């Protein structure tokens, strides 16, 4: 089993069972929601775990154009922390 956190539009090219988690319904995730809000079930034993939290607000190009905004950066860092928590919890 592969678990893909913050999956966006990416998919693993495999026939192995996959669980994808994302907040955007257009990406058609298995679970629609934020990794910060979804409790991960005990006993899952994924072979692989992929996490790609959004990095939009860490971009210097964006900061030059729009300036730095603390709240979106803080929200993005919460997603990164939740991904690390998931890795520690699931132990892929």
C-alpha atoms as a PDB file:
ATOM      1  CA  UNK A   1       0.000   0.000   0.000  1.00  0.00           C
ATOM      2  CA  UNK A   2       1.126   3.518  -0.807  1.00  0.00           C
ATOM      3  CA  UNK A   3      -0.162   6.535   1.121  1.00  0.00           C
ATOM      4  CA  UNK A   4       0.143   9.889  -0.619  1.00  0.00           C
ATOM      5  CA  UNK A   5      -0.287  12.939   1.626  1.00  0.00           C
ATOM      6  CA  UNK A   6      -1.104  16.289   0.002  1.00  0.00           C
ATOM      7  CA  UNK A   7      -1.383  14.334  -3.207  1.00  0.00           C
ATOM      8  CA  UNK A   8      -2.411  17.086  -5.588  1.00  0.00           C
ATOM      9  CA  UNK A   9      -2.623  15.681  -9.091  1.00  0.00           C
ATOM     10  CA  UNK A  10       0.190  13.163  -8.742  1.00  0.00           C
ATOM     11  CA  UNK A  11      -0.349   9.406  -8.733  1.00  0.00           C
ATOM     12  CA  UNK A  12       2.138   6.589  -8.427  1.00  0.00           C
ATOM     13  CA  UNK A  13       2.330   4.550 -11.646  1.00  0.00           C
ATOM     14  CA  UNK A  14       1.646   1.202  -9.999  1.00  0.00           C
ATOM     15  CA  UNK A  15      -1.076  -1.381  -9.527  1.00  0.00           C
ATOM     16  CA  UNK A  16      -0.389  -1.388  -5.772  1.00  0.00           C
ATOM     17  CA  UNK A  17      -3.304  -0.109  -3.625  1.00  0.00           C
ATOM     18  CA  UNK A  18      -3.019   3.625  -2.972  1.00  0.00           C
ATOM     19  CA  UNK A  19      -4.617   6.067  -0.568  1.00  0.00           C
ATOM     20  CA  UNK A  20      -4.386   9.728  -1.525  1.00  0.00           C
ATOM     21  CA  UNK A  21      -5.278  12.625   0.751  1.00  0.00           C
ATOM     22  CA  UNK A  22      -5.863  16.162  -0.491  1.00  0.00           C
ATOM     23  CA  UNK A  23      -8.187  19.121   0.138  1.00  0.00           C
ATOM     24  CA  UNK A  24      -8.889  19.758  -3.547  1.00  0.00           C
ATOM     25  CA  UNK A  25     -11.811  17.686  -4.887  1.00  0.00           C
ATOM     26  CA  UNK A  26     -10.642  18.327  -8.469  1.00  0.00           C
ATOM     27  CA  UNK A  27      -7.657  16.040  -7.863  1.00  0.00           C
ATOM     28  CA  UNK A  28     -10.031  13.162  -6.963  1.00  0.00           C
ATOM     29  CA  UNK A  29      -8.250  12.012  -3.795  1.00  0.00           C
ATOM     30  CA  UNK A  30      -9.272   8.838  -2.003  1.00  0.00           C
ATOM     31  CA  UNK A  31      -9.826  10.958   1.124  1.00  0.00           C
ATOM     32  CA  UNK A  32     -10.930  14.555   0.729  1.00  0.00           C
ATOM     33  CA  UNK A  33      -9.527  16.607   3.587  1.00  0.00           C
ATOM     34  CA  UNK A  34      -6.439  18.107   5.162  1.00  0.00           C
ATOM     35  CA  UNK A  35      -3.785  15.927   6.732  1.00  0.00           C
ATOM     36  CA  UNK A  36      -3.951  18.311   9.705  1.00  0.00           C
ATOM     37  CA  UNK A  37      -7.570  17.262  10.401  1.00  0.00           C
ATOM     38  CA  UNK A  38      -7.748  13.574   9.486  1.00  0.00           C
ATOM     39  CA  UNK A  39      -6.917  11.026  12.173  1.00  0.00           C
ATOM     40  CA  UNK A  40      -4.838   8.204  10.678  1.00  0.00           C
ATOM     41  CA  UNK A  41      -6.163   4.735  11.455  1.00  0.00           C
ATOM     42  CA  UNK A  42      -4.064   2.472  13.633  1.00  0.00           C
ATOM     43  CA  UNK A  43      -2.575  -0.619  12.054  1.00  0.00           C
ATOM     44  CA  UNK A  44      -1.984   0.733   8.566  1.00  0.00           C
ATOM     45  CA  UNK A  45       1.329  -0.581   7.320  1.00  0.00           C
ATOM     46  CA  UNK A  46       2.139   1.319   4.124  1.00  0.00           C
ATOM     47  CA  UNK A  47       5.108   0.179   2.091  1.00  0.00           C
ATOM     48  CA  UNK A  48       5.662   3.763   0.938  1.00  0.00           C
ATOM     49  CA  UNK A  49       4.494   7.151   2.136  1.00  0.00           C
ATOM     50  CA  UNK A  50       4.805  10.201  -0.073  1.00  0.00           C
ATOM     51  CA  UNK A  51       4.305  13.723   1.221  1.00  0.00           C
ATOM     52  CA  UNK A  52       4.407  16.837  -0.900  1.00  0.00           C
ATOM     53  CA  UNK A  53       2.928  19.700   1.110  1.00  0.00           C
ATOM     54  CA  UNK A  54       2.430  22.912  -0.859  1.00  0.00           C
ATOM     55  CA  UNK A  55       5.483  25.120  -1.050  1.00  0.00           C
ATOM     56  CA  UNK A  56       3.804  28.107  -2.708  1.00  0.00           C
ATOM     57  CA  UNK A  57       4.398  30.496   0.180  1.00  0.00           C
ATOM     58  CA  UNK A  58       8.080  29.575   0.601  1.00  0.00           C
ATOM     59  CA  UNK A  59       8.968  30.935  -2.843  1.00  0.00           C
ATOM     60  CA  UNK A  60      11.279  33.938  -3.056  1.00  0.00           C
ATOM     61  CA  UNK A  61       9.768  34.798  -6.448  1.00  0.00           C
ATOM     62  CA  UNK A  62       6.304  34.976  -4.877  1.00  0.00           C
ATOM     63  CA  UNK A  63       7.644  37.062  -1.976  1.00  0.00           C
ATOM     64  CA  UNK A  64       9.256  39.546  -4.359  1.00  0.00           C
ATOM     65  CA  UNK A  65       5.989  39.926  -6.238  1.00  0.00           C
ATOM     66  CA  UNK A  66       3.466  39.869  -3.348  1.00  0.00           C
ATOM     67  CA  UNK A  67       5.555  40.303  -0.195  1.00  0.00           C
ATOM     68  CA  UNK A  68       5.871  37.928   2.740  1.00  0.00           C
ATOM     69  CA  UNK A  69       2.652  37.014   4.529  1.00  0.00           C
ATOM     70  CA  UNK A  70       3.021  35.259   7.850  1.00  0.00           C
ATOM     71  CA  UNK A  71      -0.315  33.403   8.046  1.00  0.00           C
ATOM     72  CA  UNK A  72      -0.022  31.390   4.804  1.00  0.00           C
ATOM     73  CA  UNK A  73       3.572  30.472   5.697  1.00  0.00           C
ATOM     74  CA  UNK A  74       2.454  29.341   9.162  1.00  0.00           C
ATOM     75  CA  UNK A  75      -0.374  27.285   7.623  1.00  0.00           C
ATOM     76  CA  UNK A  76       2.074  25.657   5.201  1.00  0.00           C
ATOM     77  CA  UNK A  77       4.449  24.811   8.048  1.00  0.00           C
ATOM     78  CA  UNK A  78       1.546  23.184   9.936  1.00  0.00           C
ATOM     79  CA  UNK A  79       1.009  20.941   6.906  1.00  0.00           C
ATOM     80  CA  UNK A  80       4.702  20.043   6.850  1.00  0.00           C
ATOM     81  CA  UNK A  81       4.570  19.197  10.572  1.00  0.00           C
ATOM     82  CA  UNK A  82       1.428  17.074  10.054  1.00  0.00           C
ATOM     83  CA  UNK A  83       3.215  15.149   7.286  1.00  0.00           C
ATOM     84  CA  UNK A  84       6.149  14.455   9.615  1.00  0.00           C
ATOM     85  CA  UNK A  85       3.696  13.336  12.320  1.00  0.00           C
ATOM     86  CA  UNK A  86       2.073  10.971   9.816  1.00  0.00           C
ATOM     87  CA  UNK A  87       5.456   9.505   8.894  1.00  0.00           C
ATOM     88  CA  UNK A  88       6.256   8.925  12.551  1.00  0.00           C
ATOM     89  CA  UNK A  89       2.807   7.421  13.195  1.00  0.00           C
ATOM     90  CA  UNK A  90       2.648   5.154  10.139  1.00  0.00           C
ATOM     91  CA  UNK A  91       6.295   4.077  10.018  1.00  0.00           C
ATOM     92  CA  UNK A  92       6.418   3.185   6.312  1.00  0.00           C
END
